[in-house]
Amino acid sequence: MNRPLFKRFLFLAVVIFIAIYHIWPPDEKITLGLDLRGGTSYTLQVNMAGVPDYQRRSALDKAIEIIRKRVDPNGVKEIIIQSVGADRIRVDIPGVDETA
């Protein structure tokens, strides 16, 4: 084997080793989301009756913060809470069943 080809092979082997080292074992290193681990997704509708148009966005943001504090008070879970449209909130909770 000539010298440049050997250096390329050695470099490639080192890169592959480092990549495998950083992702092995995959259960501990890769976080599974709602689609792979399973979970629950809720869509909530905010009652905007009586709220002026210029305050609706602020009211929706406040509702999202209240839901976030109640569902994930420590902020360590990977719960996704986002607004959908003008009056809806979507809550995705991975790893939780719908059983009440």
C-alpha atoms as a PDB file:
ATOM      1  CA  MET A   1       0.000   0.000   0.000  1.00  0.00           C
ATOM      2  CA  ASN A   2       1.413   3.368  -0.880  1.00  0.00           C
ATOM      3  CA  ARG A   3       1.743   6.103   1.709  1.00  0.00           C
ATOM      4  CA  PRO A   4      -1.091   8.563   0.689  1.00  0.00           C
ATOM      5  CA  LEU A   5      -3.645   5.773   0.390  1.00  0.00           C
ATOM      6  CA  PHE A   6      -2.715   4.412   3.815  1.00  0.00           C
ATOM      7  CA  LYS A   7      -3.080   7.878   5.395  1.00  0.00           C
ATOM      8  CA  ARG A   8      -6.547   8.291   3.879  1.00  0.00           C
ATOM      9  CA  PHE A   9      -7.602   4.854   5.108  1.00  0.00           C
ATOM     10  CA  LEU A  10      -6.262   5.581   8.600  1.00  0.00           C
ATOM     11  CA  PHE A  11      -8.028   8.967   8.685  1.00  0.00           C
ATOM     12  CA  LEU A  12     -11.316   7.377   7.593  1.00  0.00           C
ATOM     13  CA  ALA A  13     -10.988   4.650  10.230  1.00  0.00           C
ATOM     14  CA  VAL A  14     -10.386   7.234  12.972  1.00  0.00           C
ATOM     15  CA  VAL A  15     -13.407   9.303  11.879  1.00  0.00           C
ATOM     16  CA  ILE A  16     -15.645   6.233  11.856  1.00  0.00           C
ATOM     17  CA  PHE A  17     -14.373   5.182  15.293  1.00  0.00           C
ATOM     18  CA  ILE A  18     -15.065   8.633  16.765  1.00  0.00           C
ATOM     19  CA  ALA A  19     -18.565   8.707  15.244  1.00  0.00           C
ATOM     20  CA  ILE A  20     -19.429   5.277  16.665  1.00  0.00           C
ATOM     21  CA  TYR A  21     -17.974   6.220  20.058  1.00  0.00           C
ATOM     22  CA  HIS A  22     -20.229   9.294  20.287  1.00  0.00           C
ATOM     23  CA  ILE A  23     -23.473   7.494  19.466  1.00  0.00           C
ATOM     24  CA  TRP A  24     -22.927   4.128  21.200  1.00  0.00           C
ATOM     25  CA  PRO A  25     -25.053   2.880  23.001  1.00  0.00           C
ATOM     26  CA  PRO A  26     -27.856   4.487  20.997  1.00  0.00           C
ATOM     27  CA  ASP A  27     -30.500   4.127  23.737  1.00  0.00           C
ATOM     28  CA  GLU A  28     -28.545   6.448  26.028  1.00  0.00           C
ATOM     29  CA  LYS A  29     -27.258   8.922  23.441  1.00  0.00           C
ATOM     30  CA  ILE A  30     -30.194   9.387  21.046  1.00  0.00           C
ATOM     31  CA  THR A  31     -33.394  10.886  22.401  1.00  0.00           C
ATOM     32  CA  LEU A  32     -36.475   9.426  20.797  1.00  0.00           C
ATOM     33  CA  GLY A  33     -39.275  11.836  20.016  1.00  0.00           C
ATOM     34  CA  LEU A  34     -43.043  11.540  19.936  1.00  0.00           C
ATOM     35  CA  ASP A  35     -43.066   9.650  16.640  1.00  0.00           C
ATOM     36  CA  LEU A  36     -40.605   6.916  17.712  1.00  0.00           C
ATOM     37  CA  ARG A  37     -41.141   6.511  21.449  1.00  0.00           C
ATOM     38  CA  GLY A  38     -44.863   7.126  21.360  1.00  0.00           C
ATOM     39  CA  GLY A  39     -46.797   9.602  23.407  1.00  0.00           C
ATOM     40  CA  THR A  40     -49.751  11.901  23.413  1.00  0.00           C
ATOM     41  CA  SER A  41     -50.601  14.992  21.438  1.00  0.00           C
ATOM     42  CA  TYR A  42     -53.359  17.378  22.534  1.00  0.00           C
ATOM     43  CA  THR A  43     -54.780  20.385  20.733  1.00  0.00           C
ATOM     44  CA  LEU A  44     -56.441  22.897  23.023  1.00  0.00           C
ATOM     45  CA  GLN A  45     -58.624  25.786  21.930  1.00  0.00           C
ATOM     46  CA  VAL A  46     -58.447  29.013  23.893  1.00  0.00           C
ATOM     47  CA  ASN A  47     -61.726  30.837  24.517  1.00  0.00           C
ATOM     48  CA  MET A  48     -61.033  34.343  23.214  1.00  0.00           C
ATOM     49  CA  ALA A  49     -64.524  35.732  23.871  1.00  0.00           C
ATOM     50  CA  GLY A  50     -64.238  39.119  25.484  1.00  0.00           C
ATOM     51  CA  VAL A  51     -60.542  39.559  24.637  1.00  0.00           C
ATOM     52  CA  PRO A  52     -59.806  42.588  22.437  1.00  0.00           C
ATOM     53  CA  ASP A  53     -58.073  41.873  19.122  1.00  0.00           C
ATOM     54  CA  TYR A  54     -54.868  43.666  20.107  1.00  0.00           C
ATOM     55  CA  GLN A  55     -54.474  41.481  23.243  1.00  0.00           C
ATOM     56  CA  ARG A  56     -55.191  38.071  21.694  1.00  0.00           C
ATOM     57  CA  ARG A  57     -51.571  37.199  20.943  1.00  0.00           C
ATOM     58  CA  SER A  58     -50.531  38.167  24.442  1.00  0.00           C
ATOM     59  CA  ALA A  59     -53.366  36.089  25.944  1.00  0.00           C
ATOM     60  CA  LEU A  60     -52.331  33.077  23.874  1.00  0.00           C
ATOM     61  CA  ASP A  61     -48.701  33.447  24.986  1.00  0.00           C
ATOM     62  CA  LYS A  62     -49.820  33.703  28.617  1.00  0.00           C
ATOM     63  CA  ALA A  63     -51.913  30.525  28.228  1.00  0.00           C
ATOM     64  CA  ILE A  64     -48.889  28.705  26.781  1.00  0.00           C
ATOM     65  CA  GLU A  65     -46.749  29.750  29.742  1.00  0.00           C
ATOM     66  CA  ILE A  66     -49.396  28.596  32.234  1.00  0.00           C
ATOM     67  CA  ILE A  67     -49.686  25.218  30.496  1.00  0.00           C
ATOM     68  CA  ARG A  68     -45.880  24.876  30.403  1.00  0.00           C
ATOM     69  CA  LYS A  69     -45.594  25.567  34.147  1.00  0.00           C
ATOM     70  CA  ARG A  70     -48.295  23.015  34.976  1.00  0.00           C
ATOM     71  CA  VAL A  71     -47.220  20.230  32.624  1.00  0.00           C
ATOM     72  CA  ASP A  72     -43.440  20.611  32.982  1.00  0.00           C
ATOM     73  CA  PRO A  73     -42.722  22.654  36.128  1.00  0.00           C
ATOM     74  CA  ASN A  74     -38.980  21.839  36.207  1.00  0.00           C
ATOM     75  CA  GLY A  75     -38.426  22.264  32.488  1.00  0.00           C
ATOM     76  CA  VAL A  76     -36.524  18.990  32.123  1.00  0.00           C
ATOM     77  CA  LYS A  77     -38.983  16.984  30.032  1.00  0.00           C
ATOM     78  CA  GLU A  78     -39.035  17.288  26.269  1.00  0.00           C
ATOM     79  CA  ILE A  79     -42.595  18.541  26.034  1.00  0.00           C
ATOM     80  CA  ILE A  80     -43.432  20.651  22.999  1.00  0.00           C
ATOM     81  CA  ILE A  81     -46.012  23.386  23.545  1.00  0.00           C
ATOM     82  CA  GLN A  82     -46.697  25.676  20.594  1.00  0.00           C
ATOM     83  CA  SER A  83     -49.417  27.889  19.222  1.00  0.00           C
ATOM     84  CA  VAL A  84     -51.335  26.704  16.167  1.00  0.00           C
ATOM     85  CA  GLY A  85     -53.292  29.422  14.451  1.00  0.00           C
ATOM     86  CA  ALA A  86     -54.861  32.301  16.330  1.00  0.00           C
ATOM     87  CA  ASP A  87     -56.608  30.431  19.131  1.00  0.00           C
ATOM     88  CA  ARG A  88     -55.195  26.903  19.438  1.00  0.00           C
ATOM     89  CA  ILE A  89     -52.345  25.381  21.441  1.00  0.00           C
ATOM     90  CA  ARG A  90     -50.724  22.044  20.632  1.00  0.00           C
ATOM     91  CA  VAL A  91     -49.134  20.039  23.458  1.00  0.00           C
ATOM     92  CA  ASP A  92     -46.924  17.032  22.568  1.00  0.00           C
ATOM     93  CA  ILE A  93     -45.908  14.811  25.490  1.00  0.00           C
ATOM     94  CA  PRO A  94     -43.535  11.976  24.503  1.00  0.00           C
ATOM     95  CA  GLY A  95     -43.656   8.733  26.464  1.00  0.00           C
ATOM     96  CA  VAL A  96     -47.075   9.336  28.053  1.00  0.00           C
ATOM     97  CA  ASP A  97     -50.146   7.209  27.317  1.00  0.00           C
ATOM     98  CA  GLU A  98     -53.635   8.684  26.905  1.00  0.00           C
ATOM     99  CA  THR A  99     -55.041   6.616  29.759  1.00  0.00           C
ATOM    100  CA  ALA A 100     -56.417   8.823  32.483  1.00  0.00           C
END
